[in-house]
Amino acid sequence: EYGIENSQVIQKGVYCARQKLSSIYEQAILDEKFNEKAVESGM
């Protein structure tokens, strides 16, 4: 009623998992990278 607001939100991410497995050994690697940018303007 008293103004206008503009909003935009961008999120992105990547992830990667690697493993080596046997009956007595495991190597496990996980990498998660992500970001977010939100901008509101107006009122």
ModelCIF file with pLDDT and N, C-alpha, C, O atoms, coordinates in Angstrom:
data_MODEL
#
_entry.id   MODEL 
#
_entity.id                         1 
_entity.type                       polymer 
_entity.pdbx_number_of_molecules   1 
#
_entity_poly.entity_id                      1 
_entity_poly.type                           'polypeptide(L)' 
_entity_poly.nstd_linkage                   no 
_entity_poly.nstd_monomer                   no 
_entity_poly.pdbx_seq_one_letter_code       EYGIENSQVIQKGVYCARQKLSSIYEQAILDEKFNEKAVESGM 
_entity_poly.pdbx_seq_one_letter_code_can   EYGIENSQVIQKGVYCARQKLSSIYEQAILDEKFNEKAVESGM 
_entity_poly.pdbx_strand_id                 A 
#
loop_
_entity_poly_seq.entity_id 
_entity_poly_seq.num 
_entity_poly_seq.mon_id 
_entity_poly_seq.hetero 
1 1  GLU n 
1 2  TYR n 
1 3  GLY n 
1 4  ILE n 
1 5  GLU n 
1 6  ASN n 
1 7  SER n 
1 8  GLN n 
1 9  VAL n 
1 10 ILE n 
1 11 GLN n 
1 12 LYS n 
1 13 GLY n 
1 14 VAL n 
1 15 TYR n 
1 16 CYS n 
1 17 ALA n 
1 18 ARG n 
1 19 GLN n 
1 20 LYS n 
1 21 LEU n 
1 22 SER n 
1 23 SER n 
1 24 ILE n 
1 25 TYR n 
1 26 GLU n 
1 27 GLN n 
1 28 ALA n 
1 29 ILE n 
1 30 LEU n 
1 31 ASP n 
1 32 GLU n 
1 33 LYS n 
1 34 PHE n 
1 35 ASN n 
1 36 GLU n 
1 37 LYS n 
1 38 ALA n 
1 39 VAL n 
1 40 GLU n 
1 41 SER n 
1 42 GLY n 
1 43 MET n 
#
_struct_asym.id          A 
_struct_asym.entity_id   1 
#
loop_
_ma_qa_metric.id 
_ma_qa_metric.mode 
_ma_qa_metric.name 
_ma_qa_metric.software_group_id 
_ma_qa_metric.type 
1 global pLDDT . pLDDT 
2 local  pLDDT . pLDDT 
#
_ma_qa_metric_global.metric_id      1 
_ma_qa_metric_global.metric_value   96.37 
_ma_qa_metric_global.model_id       1 
_ma_qa_metric_global.ordinal_id     1 
#
loop_
_ma_qa_metric_local.label_asym_id 
_ma_qa_metric_local.label_comp_id 
_ma_qa_metric_local.label_seq_id 
_ma_qa_metric_local.metric_id 
_ma_qa_metric_local.metric_value 
_ma_qa_metric_local.model_id 
_ma_qa_metric_local.ordinal_id 
A GLU 1  2 97.00 1 1  
A TYR 2  2 96.00 1 2  
A GLY 3  2 97.00 1 3  
A ILE 4  2 98.00 1 4  
A GLU 5  2 98.00 1 5  
A ASN 6  2 98.00 1 6  
A SER 7  2 98.00 1 7  
A GLN 8  2 98.00 1 8  
A VAL 9  2 98.00 1 9  
A ILE 10 2 98.00 1 10 
A GLN 11 2 98.00 1 11 
A LYS 12 2 98.00 1 12 
A GLY 13 2 98.00 1 13 
A VAL 14 2 98.00 1 14 
A TYR 15 2 98.00 1 15 
A CYS 16 2 98.00 1 16 
A ALA 17 2 98.00 1 17 
A ARG 18 2 97.00 1 18 
A GLN 19 2 96.00 1 19 
A LYS 20 2 94.00 1 20 
A LEU 21 2 91.00 1 21 
A SER 22 2 90.00 1 22 
A SER 23 2 85.00 1 23 
A ILE 24 2 87.00 1 24 
A TYR 25 2 91.00 1 25 
A GLU 26 2 93.00 1 26 
A GLN 27 2 95.00 1 27 
A ALA 28 2 96.00 1 28 
A ILE 29 2 98.00 1 29 
A LEU 30 2 98.00 1 30 
A ASP 31 2 98.00 1 31 
A GLU 32 2 98.00 1 32 
A LYS 33 2 98.00 1 33 
A PHE 34 2 98.00 1 34 
A ASN 35 2 98.00 1 35 
A GLU 36 2 98.00 1 36 
A LYS 37 2 98.00 1 37 
A ALA 38 2 98.00 1 38 
A VAL 39 2 98.00 1 39 
A GLU 40 2 98.00 1 40 
A SER 41 2 98.00 1 41 
A GLY 42 2 97.00 1 42 
A MET 43 2 96.00 1 43 
#
loop_
_atom_site.group_PDB 
_atom_site.id 
_atom_site.type_symbol 
_atom_site.label_atom_id 
_atom_site.label_alt_id 
_atom_site.label_comp_id 
_atom_site.label_asym_id 
_atom_site.label_entity_id 
_atom_site.label_seq_id 
_atom_site.pdbx_PDB_ins_code 
_atom_site.Cartn_x 
_atom_site.Cartn_y 
_atom_site.Cartn_z 
_atom_site.occupancy 
_atom_site.B_iso_or_equiv 
_atom_site.pdbx_formal_charge 
_atom_site.auth_seq_id 
_atom_site.auth_comp_id 
_atom_site.auth_asym_id 
_atom_site.auth_atom_id 
_atom_site.pdbx_PDB_model_num 
ATOM 1   N N  . GLU A 1 1  ? 0.824  -1.202  0.000  1.00 97.00 ? 1  GLU A N  1 
ATOM 2   C CA . GLU A 1 1  ? 0.000  0.000   0.000  1.00 97.00 ? 1  GLU A CA 1 
ATOM 3   C C  . GLU A 1 1  ? 0.860  1.255   0.000  1.00 97.00 ? 1  GLU A C  1 
ATOM 4   O O  . GLU A 1 1  ? 0.500  2.274   -0.589 1.00 97.00 ? 1  GLU A O  1 
ATOM 5   N N  . TYR A 1 2  ? 2.010  1.160   0.676  1.00 96.00 ? 2  TYR A N  1 
ATOM 6   C CA . TYR A 1 2  ? 2.887  2.332   0.764  1.00 96.00 ? 2  TYR A CA 1 
ATOM 7   C C  . TYR A 1 2  ? 4.291  1.993   0.267  1.00 96.00 ? 2  TYR A C  1 
ATOM 8   O O  . TYR A 1 2  ? 5.267  2.143   1.003  1.00 96.00 ? 2  TYR A O  1 
ATOM 9   N N  . GLY A 1 3  ? 4.390  1.544   -0.962 1.00 97.00 ? 3  GLY A N  1 
ATOM 10  C CA . GLY A 1 3  ? 5.718  1.344   -1.516 1.00 97.00 ? 3  GLY A CA 1 
ATOM 11  C C  . GLY A 1 3  ? 5.868  0.038   -2.271 1.00 97.00 ? 3  GLY A C  1 
ATOM 12  O O  . GLY A 1 3  ? 4.986  -0.820  -2.250 1.00 97.00 ? 3  GLY A O  1 
ATOM 13  N N  . ILE A 1 4  ? 7.007  -0.093  -2.939 1.00 98.00 ? 4  ILE A N  1 
ATOM 14  C CA . ILE A 1 4  ? 7.334  -1.260  -3.756 1.00 98.00 ? 4  ILE A CA 1 
ATOM 15  C C  . ILE A 1 4  ? 8.666  -1.830  -3.276 1.00 98.00 ? 4  ILE A C  1 
ATOM 16  O O  . ILE A 1 4  ? 9.597  -1.090  -2.957 1.00 98.00 ? 4  ILE A O  1 
ATOM 17  N N  . GLU A 1 5  ? 8.736  -3.148  -3.231 1.00 98.00 ? 5  GLU A N  1 
ATOM 18  C CA . GLU A 1 5  ? 9.981  -3.838  -2.870 1.00 98.00 ? 5  GLU A CA 1 
ATOM 19  C C  . GLU A 1 5  ? 10.338 -4.836  -3.966 1.00 98.00 ? 5  GLU A C  1 
ATOM 20  O O  . GLU A 1 5  ? 9.493  -5.611  -4.415 1.00 98.00 ? 5  GLU A O  1 
ATOM 21  N N  . ASN A 1 6  ? 11.603 -4.808  -4.390 1.00 98.00 ? 6  ASN A N  1 
ATOM 22  C CA . ASN A 1 6  ? 12.127 -5.771  -5.356 1.00 98.00 ? 6  ASN A CA 1 
ATOM 23  C C  . ASN A 1 6  ? 13.071 -6.733  -4.646 1.00 98.00 ? 6  ASN A C  1 
ATOM 24  O O  . ASN A 1 6  ? 13.914 -6.319  -3.850 1.00 98.00 ? 6  ASN A O  1 
ATOM 25  N N  . SER A 1 7  ? 12.922 -8.003  -4.938 1.00 98.00 ? 7  SER A N  1 
ATOM 26  C CA . SER A 1 7  ? 13.721 -9.025  -4.264 1.00 98.00 ? 7  SER A CA 1 
ATOM 27  C C  . SER A 1 7  ? 14.241 -10.034 -5.277 1.00 98.00 ? 7  SER A C  1 
ATOM 28  O O  . SER A 1 7  ? 13.500 -10.499 -6.143 1.00 98.00 ? 7  SER A O  1 
ATOM 29  N N  . GLN A 1 8  ? 15.515 -10.366 -5.161 1.00 98.00 ? 8  GLN A N  1 
ATOM 30  C CA . GLN A 1 8  ? 16.099 -11.432 -5.981 1.00 98.00 ? 8  GLN A CA 1 
ATOM 31  C C  . GLN A 1 8  ? 17.023 -12.270 -5.113 1.00 98.00 ? 8  GLN A C  1 
ATOM 32  O O  . GLN A 1 8  ? 17.820 -11.742 -4.337 1.00 98.00 ? 8  GLN A O  1 
ATOM 33  N N  . VAL A 1 9  ? 16.902 -13.603 -5.260 1.00 98.00 ? 9  VAL A N  1 
ATOM 34  C CA . VAL A 1 9  ? 17.708 -14.548 -4.489 1.00 98.00 ? 9  VAL A CA 1 
ATOM 35  C C  . VAL A 1 9  ? 18.320 -15.562 -5.448 1.00 98.00 ? 9  VAL A C  1 
ATOM 36  O O  . VAL A 1 9  ? 17.602 -16.216 -6.205 1.00 98.00 ? 9  VAL A O  1 
ATOM 37  N N  . ILE A 1 10 ? 19.632 -15.692 -5.419 1.00 98.00 ? 10 ILE A N  1 
ATOM 38  C CA . ILE A 1 10 ? 20.351 -16.666 -6.247 1.00 98.00 ? 10 ILE A CA 1 
ATOM 39  C C  . ILE A 1 10 ? 21.130 -17.595 -5.320 1.00 98.00 ? 10 ILE A C  1 
ATOM 40  O O  . ILE A 1 10 ? 21.894 -17.139 -4.469 1.00 98.00 ? 10 ILE A O  1 
ATOM 41  N N  . GLN A 1 11 ? 20.931 -18.890 -5.492 1.00 98.00 ? 11 GLN A N  1 
ATOM 42  C CA . GLN A 1 11 ? 21.682 -19.897 -4.753 1.00 98.00 ? 11 GLN A CA 1 
ATOM 43  C C  . GLN A 1 11 ? 22.293 -20.886 -5.739 1.00 98.00 ? 11 GLN A C  1 
ATOM 44  O O  . GLN A 1 11 ? 21.663 -21.269 -6.725 1.00 98.00 ? 11 GLN A O  1 
ATOM 45  N N  . LYS A 1 12 ? 23.509 -21.284 -5.463 1.00 98.00 ? 12 LYS A N  1 
ATOM 46  C CA . LYS A 1 12 ? 24.142 -22.307 -6.289 1.00 98.00 ? 12 LYS A CA 1 
ATOM 47  C C  . LYS A 1 12 ? 25.113 -23.120 -5.456 1.00 98.00 ? 12 LYS A C  1 
ATOM 48  O O  . LYS A 1 12 ? 25.667 -22.633 -4.472 1.00 98.00 ? 12 LYS A O  1 
ATOM 49  N N  . GLY A 1 13 ? 25.310 -24.359 -5.860 1.00 98.00 ? 13 GLY A N  1 
ATOM 50  C CA . GLY A 1 13 ? 26.205 -25.224 -5.111 1.00 98.00 ? 13 GLY A CA 1 
ATOM 51  C C  . GLY A 1 13 ? 26.635 -26.423 -5.932 1.00 98.00 ? 13 GLY A C  1 
ATOM 52  O O  . GLY A 1 13 ? 25.966 -26.810 -6.891 1.00 98.00 ? 13 GLY A O  1 
ATOM 53  N N  . VAL A 1 14 ? 27.762 -27.008 -5.546 1.00 98.00 ? 14 VAL A N  1 
ATOM 54  C CA . VAL A 1 14 ? 28.272 -28.244 -6.143 1.00 98.00 ? 14 VAL A CA 1 
ATOM 55  C C  . VAL A 1 14 ? 28.721 -29.155 -5.013 1.00 98.00 ? 14 VAL A C  1 
ATOM 56  O O  . VAL A 1 14 ? 29.146 -28.685 -3.958 1.00 98.00 ? 14 VAL A O  1 
ATOM 57  N N  . TYR A 1 15 ? 28.625 -30.448 -5.236 1.00 98.00 ? 15 TYR A N  1 
ATOM 58  C CA . TYR A 1 15 ? 29.139 -31.402 -4.268 1.00 98.00 ? 15 TYR A CA 1 
ATOM 59  C C  . TYR A 1 15 ? 29.684 -32.617 -5.002 1.00 98.00 ? 15 TYR A C  1 
ATOM 60  O O  . TYR A 1 15 ? 29.255 -32.943 -6.109 1.00 98.00 ? 15 TYR A O  1 
ATOM 61  N N  . CYS A 1 16 ? 30.631 -33.271 -4.365 1.00 98.00 ? 16 CYS A N  1 
ATOM 62  C CA . CYS A 1 16 ? 31.320 -34.394 -4.989 1.00 98.00 ? 16 CYS A CA 1 
ATOM 63  C C  . CYS A 1 16 ? 31.699 -35.401 -3.914 1.00 98.00 ? 16 CYS A C  1 
ATOM 64  O O  . CYS A 1 16 ? 32.286 -35.033 -2.896 1.00 98.00 ? 16 CYS A O  1 
ATOM 65  N N  . ALA A 1 17 ? 31.370 -36.662 -4.130 1.00 98.00 ? 17 ALA A N  1 
ATOM 66  C CA . ALA A 1 17 ? 31.716 -37.738 -3.192 1.00 98.00 ? 17 ALA A CA 1 
ATOM 67  C C  . ALA A 1 17 ? 32.570 -38.769 -3.912 1.00 98.00 ? 17 ALA A C  1 
ATOM 68  O O  . ALA A 1 17 ? 32.295 -39.137 -5.055 1.00 98.00 ? 17 ALA A O  1 
ATOM 69  N N  . ARG A 1 18 ? 33.624 -39.236 -3.216 1.00 97.00 ? 18 ARG A N  1 
ATOM 70  C CA . ARG A 1 18 ? 34.530 -40.276 -3.724 1.00 97.00 ? 18 ARG A CA 1 
ATOM 71  C C  . ARG A 1 18 ? 34.797 -41.261 -2.599 1.00 97.00 ? 18 ARG A C  1 
ATOM 72  O O  . ARG A 1 18 ? 35.005 -40.872 -1.450 1.00 97.00 ? 18 ARG A O  1 
ATOM 73  N N  . GLN A 1 19 ? 34.787 -42.556 -2.948 1.00 96.00 ? 19 GLN A N  1 
ATOM 74  C CA . GLN A 1 19 ? 35.118 -43.566 -1.944 1.00 96.00 ? 19 GLN A CA 1 
ATOM 75  C C  . GLN A 1 19 ? 35.899 -44.712 -2.579 1.00 96.00 ? 19 GLN A C  1 
ATOM 76  O O  . GLN A 1 19 ? 35.704 -45.055 -3.745 1.00 96.00 ? 19 GLN A O  1 
ATOM 77  N N  . LYS A 1 20 ? 36.795 -45.299 -1.770 1.00 94.00 ? 20 LYS A N  1 
ATOM 78  C CA . LYS A 1 20 ? 37.449 -46.562 -2.079 1.00 94.00 ? 20 LYS A CA 1 
ATOM 79  C C  . LYS A 1 20 ? 37.093 -47.525 -0.962 1.00 94.00 ? 20 LYS A C  1 
ATOM 80  O O  . LYS A 1 20 ? 37.240 -47.197 0.215  1.00 94.00 ? 20 LYS A O  1 
ATOM 81  N N  . LEU A 1 21 ? 36.618 -48.727 -1.331 1.00 91.00 ? 21 LEU A N  1 
ATOM 82  C CA . LEU A 1 21 ? 36.069 -49.652 -0.351 1.00 91.00 ? 21 LEU A CA 1 
ATOM 83  C C  . LEU A 1 21 ? 36.669 -51.035 -0.512 1.00 91.00 ? 21 LEU A C  1 
ATOM 84  O O  . LEU A 1 21 ? 36.897 -51.497 -1.630 1.00 91.00 ? 21 LEU A O  1 
ATOM 85  N N  . SER A 1 22 ? 36.921 -51.689 0.602  1.00 90.00 ? 22 SER A N  1 
ATOM 86  C CA . SER A 1 22 ? 37.228 -53.111 0.605  1.00 90.00 ? 22 SER A CA 1 
ATOM 87  C C  . SER A 1 22 ? 36.679 -53.686 1.898  1.00 90.00 ? 22 SER A C  1 
ATOM 88  O O  . SER A 1 22 ? 35.983 -52.998 2.645  1.00 90.00 ? 22 SER A O  1 
ATOM 89  N N  . SER A 1 23 ? 36.990 -54.940 2.158  1.00 85.00 ? 23 SER A N  1 
ATOM 90  C CA . SER A 1 23 ? 36.460 -55.584 3.356  1.00 85.00 ? 23 SER A CA 1 
ATOM 91  C C  . SER A 1 23 ? 37.082 -55.041 4.632  1.00 85.00 ? 23 SER A C  1 
ATOM 92  O O  . SER A 1 23 ? 36.506 -55.213 5.706  1.00 85.00 ? 23 SER A O  1 
ATOM 93  N N  . ILE A 1 24 ? 38.260 -54.380 4.552  1.00 87.00 ? 24 ILE A N  1 
ATOM 94  C CA . ILE A 1 24 ? 38.916 -53.900 5.764  1.00 87.00 ? 24 ILE A CA 1 
ATOM 95  C C  . ILE A 1 24 ? 39.386 -52.459 5.656  1.00 87.00 ? 24 ILE A C  1 
ATOM 96  O O  . ILE A 1 24 ? 40.093 -51.980 6.543  1.00 87.00 ? 24 ILE A O  1 
ATOM 97  N N  . TYR A 1 25 ? 39.017 -51.759 4.600  1.00 91.00 ? 25 TYR A N  1 
ATOM 98  C CA . TYR A 1 25 ? 39.541 -50.407 4.418  1.00 91.00 ? 25 TYR A CA 1 
ATOM 99  C C  . TYR A 1 25 ? 38.487 -49.538 3.736  1.00 91.00 ? 25 TYR A C  1 
ATOM 100 O O  . TYR A 1 25 ? 37.735 -50.004 2.879  1.00 91.00 ? 25 TYR A O  1 
ATOM 101 N N  . GLU A 1 26 ? 38.448 -48.269 4.132  1.00 93.00 ? 26 GLU A N  1 
ATOM 102 C CA . GLU A 1 26 ? 37.610 -47.302 3.419  1.00 93.00 ? 26 GLU A CA 1 
ATOM 103 C C  . GLU A 1 26 ? 38.310 -45.955 3.384  1.00 93.00 ? 26 GLU A C  1 
ATOM 104 O O  . GLU A 1 26 ? 38.852 -45.485 4.385  1.00 93.00 ? 26 GLU A O  1 
ATOM 105 N N  . GLN A 1 27 ? 38.286 -45.349 2.211  1.00 95.00 ? 27 GLN A N  1 
ATOM 106 C CA . GLN A 1 27 ? 38.621 -43.938 2.063  1.00 95.00 ? 27 GLN A CA 1 
ATOM 107 C C  . GLN A 1 27 ? 37.360 -43.237 1.599  1.00 95.00 ? 27 GLN A C  1 
ATOM 108 O O  . GLN A 1 27 ? 36.734 -43.658 0.627  1.00 95.00 ? 27 GLN A O  1 
ATOM 109 N N  . ALA A 1 28 ? 36.982 -42.167 2.289  1.00 96.00 ? 28 ALA A N  1 
ATOM 110 C CA . ALA A 1 28 ? 35.767 -41.429 1.942  1.00 96.00 ? 28 ALA A CA 1 
ATOM 111 C C  . ALA A 1 28 ? 36.099 -39.948 1.848  1.00 96.00 ? 28 ALA A C  1 
ATOM 112 O O  . ALA A 1 28 ? 36.693 -39.374 2.761  1.00 96.00 ? 28 ALA A O  1 
ATOM 113 N N  . ILE A 1 29 ? 35.712 -39.341 0.744  1.00 98.00 ? 29 ILE A N  1 
ATOM 114 C CA . ILE A 1 29 ? 35.937 -37.917 0.497  1.00 98.00 ? 29 ILE A CA 1 
ATOM 115 C C  . ILE A 1 29 ? 34.602 -37.294 0.107  1.00 98.00 ? 29 ILE A C  1 
ATOM 116 O O  . ILE A 1 29 ? 33.901 -37.806 -0.766 1.00 98.00 ? 29 ILE A O  1 
ATOM 117 N N  . LEU A 1 30 ? 34.263 -36.205 0.748  1.00 98.00 ? 30 LEU A N  1 
ATOM 118 C CA . LEU A 1 30 ? 33.074 -35.437 0.377  1.00 98.00 ? 30 LEU A CA 1 
ATOM 119 C C  . LEU A 1 30 ? 33.430 -33.962 0.417  1.00 98.00 ? 30 LEU A C  1 
ATOM 120 O O  . LEU A 1 30 ? 34.051 -33.486 1.368  1.00 98.00 ? 30 LEU A O  1 
ATOM 121 N N  . ASP A 1 31 ? 33.031 -33.246 -0.623 1.00 98.00 ? 31 ASP A N  1 
ATOM 122 C CA . ASP A 1 31 ? 33.276 -31.809 -0.680 1.00 98.00 ? 31 ASP A CA 1 
ATOM 123 C C  . ASP A 1 31 ? 31.977 -31.124 -1.093 1.00 98.00 ? 31 ASP A C  1 
ATOM 124 O O  . ASP A 1 31 ? 31.404 -31.441 -2.135 1.00 98.00 ? 31 ASP A O  1 
ATOM 125 N N  . GLU A 1 32 ? 31.516 -30.183 -0.269 1.00 98.00 ? 32 GLU A N  1 
ATOM 126 C CA . GLU A 1 32 ? 30.293 -29.422 -0.535 1.00 98.00 ? 32 GLU A CA 1 
ATOM 127 C C  . GLU A 1 32 ? 30.652 -27.937 -0.587 1.00 98.00 ? 32 GLU A C  1 
ATOM 128 O O  . GLU A 1 32 ? 31.192 -27.394 0.377  1.00 98.00 ? 32 GLU A O  1 
ATOM 129 N N  . LYS A 1 33 ? 30.357 -27.287 -1.700 1.00 98.00 ? 33 LYS A N  1 
ATOM 130 C CA . LYS A 1 33 ? 30.609 -25.855 -1.855 1.00 98.00 ? 33 LYS A CA 1 
ATOM 131 C C  . LYS A 1 33 ? 29.309 -25.196 -2.305 1.00 98.00 ? 33 LYS A C  1 
ATOM 132 O O  . LYS A 1 33 ? 28.652 -25.676 -3.229 1.00 98.00 ? 33 LYS A O  1 
ATOM 133 N N  . PHE A 1 34 ? 28.943 -24.102 -1.654 1.00 98.00 ? 34 PHE A N  1 
ATOM 134 C CA . PHE A 1 34 ? 27.678 -23.469 -2.011 1.00 98.00 ? 34 PHE A CA 1 
ATOM 135 C C  . PHE A 1 34 ? 27.693 -22.010 -1.586 1.00 98.00 ? 34 PHE A C  1 
ATOM 136 O O  . PHE A 1 34 ? 28.461 -21.606 -0.713 1.00 98.00 ? 34 PHE A O  1 
ATOM 137 N N  . ASN A 1 35 ? 26.823 -21.224 -2.226 1.00 98.00 ? 35 ASN A N  1 
ATOM 138 C CA . ASN A 1 35 ? 26.710 -19.816 -1.868 1.00 98.00 ? 35 ASN A CA 1 
ATOM 139 C C  . ASN A 1 35 ? 25.306 -19.317 -2.143 1.00 98.00 ? 35 ASN A C  1 
ATOM 140 O O  . ASN A 1 35 ? 24.522 -19.951 -2.849 1.00 98.00 ? 35 ASN A O  1 
ATOM 141 N N  . GLU A 1 36 ? 25.015 -18.173 -1.570 1.00 98.00 ? 36 GLU A N  1 
ATOM 142 C CA . GLU A 1 36 ? 23.713 -17.531 -1.725 1.00 98.00 ? 36 GLU A CA 1 
ATOM 143 C C  . GLU A 1 36 ? 23.930 -16.023 -1.757 1.00 98.00 ? 36 GLU A C  1 
ATOM 144 O O  . GLU A 1 36 ? 24.763 -15.489 -1.025 1.00 98.00 ? 36 GLU A O  1 
ATOM 145 N N  . LYS A 1 37 ? 23.170 -15.344 -2.614 1.00 98.00 ? 37 LYS A N  1 
ATOM 146 C CA . LYS A 1 37 ? 23.164 -13.888 -2.621 1.00 98.00 ? 37 LYS A CA 1 
ATOM 147 C C  . LYS A 1 37 ? 21.732 -13.419 -2.771 1.00 98.00 ? 37 LYS A C  1 
ATOM 148 O O  . LYS A 1 37 ? 21.079 -13.677 -3.782 1.00 98.00 ? 37 LYS A O  1 
ATOM 149 N N  . ALA A 1 38 ? 21.252 -12.724 -1.749 1.00 98.00 ? 38 ALA A N  1 
ATOM 150 C CA . ALA A 1 38 ? 19.893 -12.185 -1.750 1.00 98.00 ? 38 ALA A CA 1 
ATOM 151 C C  . ALA A 1 38 ? 19.971 -10.671 -1.637 1.00 98.00 ? 38 ALA A C  1 
ATOM 152 O O  . ALA A 1 38 ? 20.706 -10.134 -0.808 1.00 98.00 ? 38 ALA A O  1 
ATOM 153 N N  . VAL A 1 39 ? 19.192 -9.980  -2.496 1.00 98.00 ? 39 VAL A N  1 
ATOM 154 C CA . VAL A 1 39 ? 19.191 -8.515  -2.508 1.00 98.00 ? 39 VAL A CA 1 
ATOM 155 C C  . VAL A 1 39 ? 17.752 -8.028  -2.506 1.00 98.00 ? 39 VAL A C  1 
ATOM 156 O O  . VAL A 1 39 ? 16.956 -8.417  -3.361 1.00 98.00 ? 39 VAL A O  1 
ATOM 157 N N  . GLU A 1 40 ? 17.419 -7.171  -1.539 1.00 98.00 ? 40 GLU A N  1 
ATOM 158 C CA . GLU A 1 40 ? 16.119 -6.506  -1.487 1.00 98.00 ? 40 GLU A CA 1 
ATOM 159 C C  . GLU A 1 40 ? 16.326 -4.996  -1.566 1.00 98.00 ? 40 GLU A C  1 
ATOM 160 O O  . GLU A 1 40 ? 17.209 -4.446  -0.908 1.00 98.00 ? 40 GLU A O  1 
ATOM 161 N N  . SER A 1 41 ? 15.498 -4.329  -2.383 1.00 98.00 ? 41 SER A N  1 
ATOM 162 C CA . SER A 1 41 ? 15.627 -2.874  -2.532 1.00 98.00 ? 41 SER A CA 1 
ATOM 163 C C  . SER A 1 41 ? 14.252 -2.264  -2.762 1.00 98.00 ? 41 SER A C  1 
ATOM 164 O O  . SER A 1 41 ? 13.360 -2.883  -3.341 1.00 98.00 ? 41 SER A O  1 
ATOM 165 N N  . GLY A 1 42 ? 14.110 -1.031  -2.290 1.00 97.00 ? 42 GLY A N  1 
ATOM 166 C CA . GLY A 1 42 ? 12.842 -0.319  -2.438 1.00 97.00 ? 42 GLY A CA 1 
ATOM 167 C C  . GLY A 1 42 ? 12.472 0.340   -1.136 1.00 97.00 ? 42 GLY A C  1 
ATOM 168 O O  . GLY A 1 42 ? 13.129 1.289   -0.709 1.00 97.00 ? 42 GLY A O  1 
ATOM 169 N N  . MET A 1 43 ? 11.414 -0.157  -0.490 1.00 96.00 ? 43 MET A N  1 
ATOM 170 C CA . MET A 1 43 ? 11.003 0.394   0.800  1.00 96.00 ? 43 MET A CA 1 
ATOM 171 C C  . MET A 1 43 ? 12.115 0.241   1.833  1.00 96.00 ? 43 MET A C  1 
ATOM 172 O O  . MET A 1 43 ? 11.950 0.649   2.983  1.00 96.00 ? 43 MET A O  1 
#
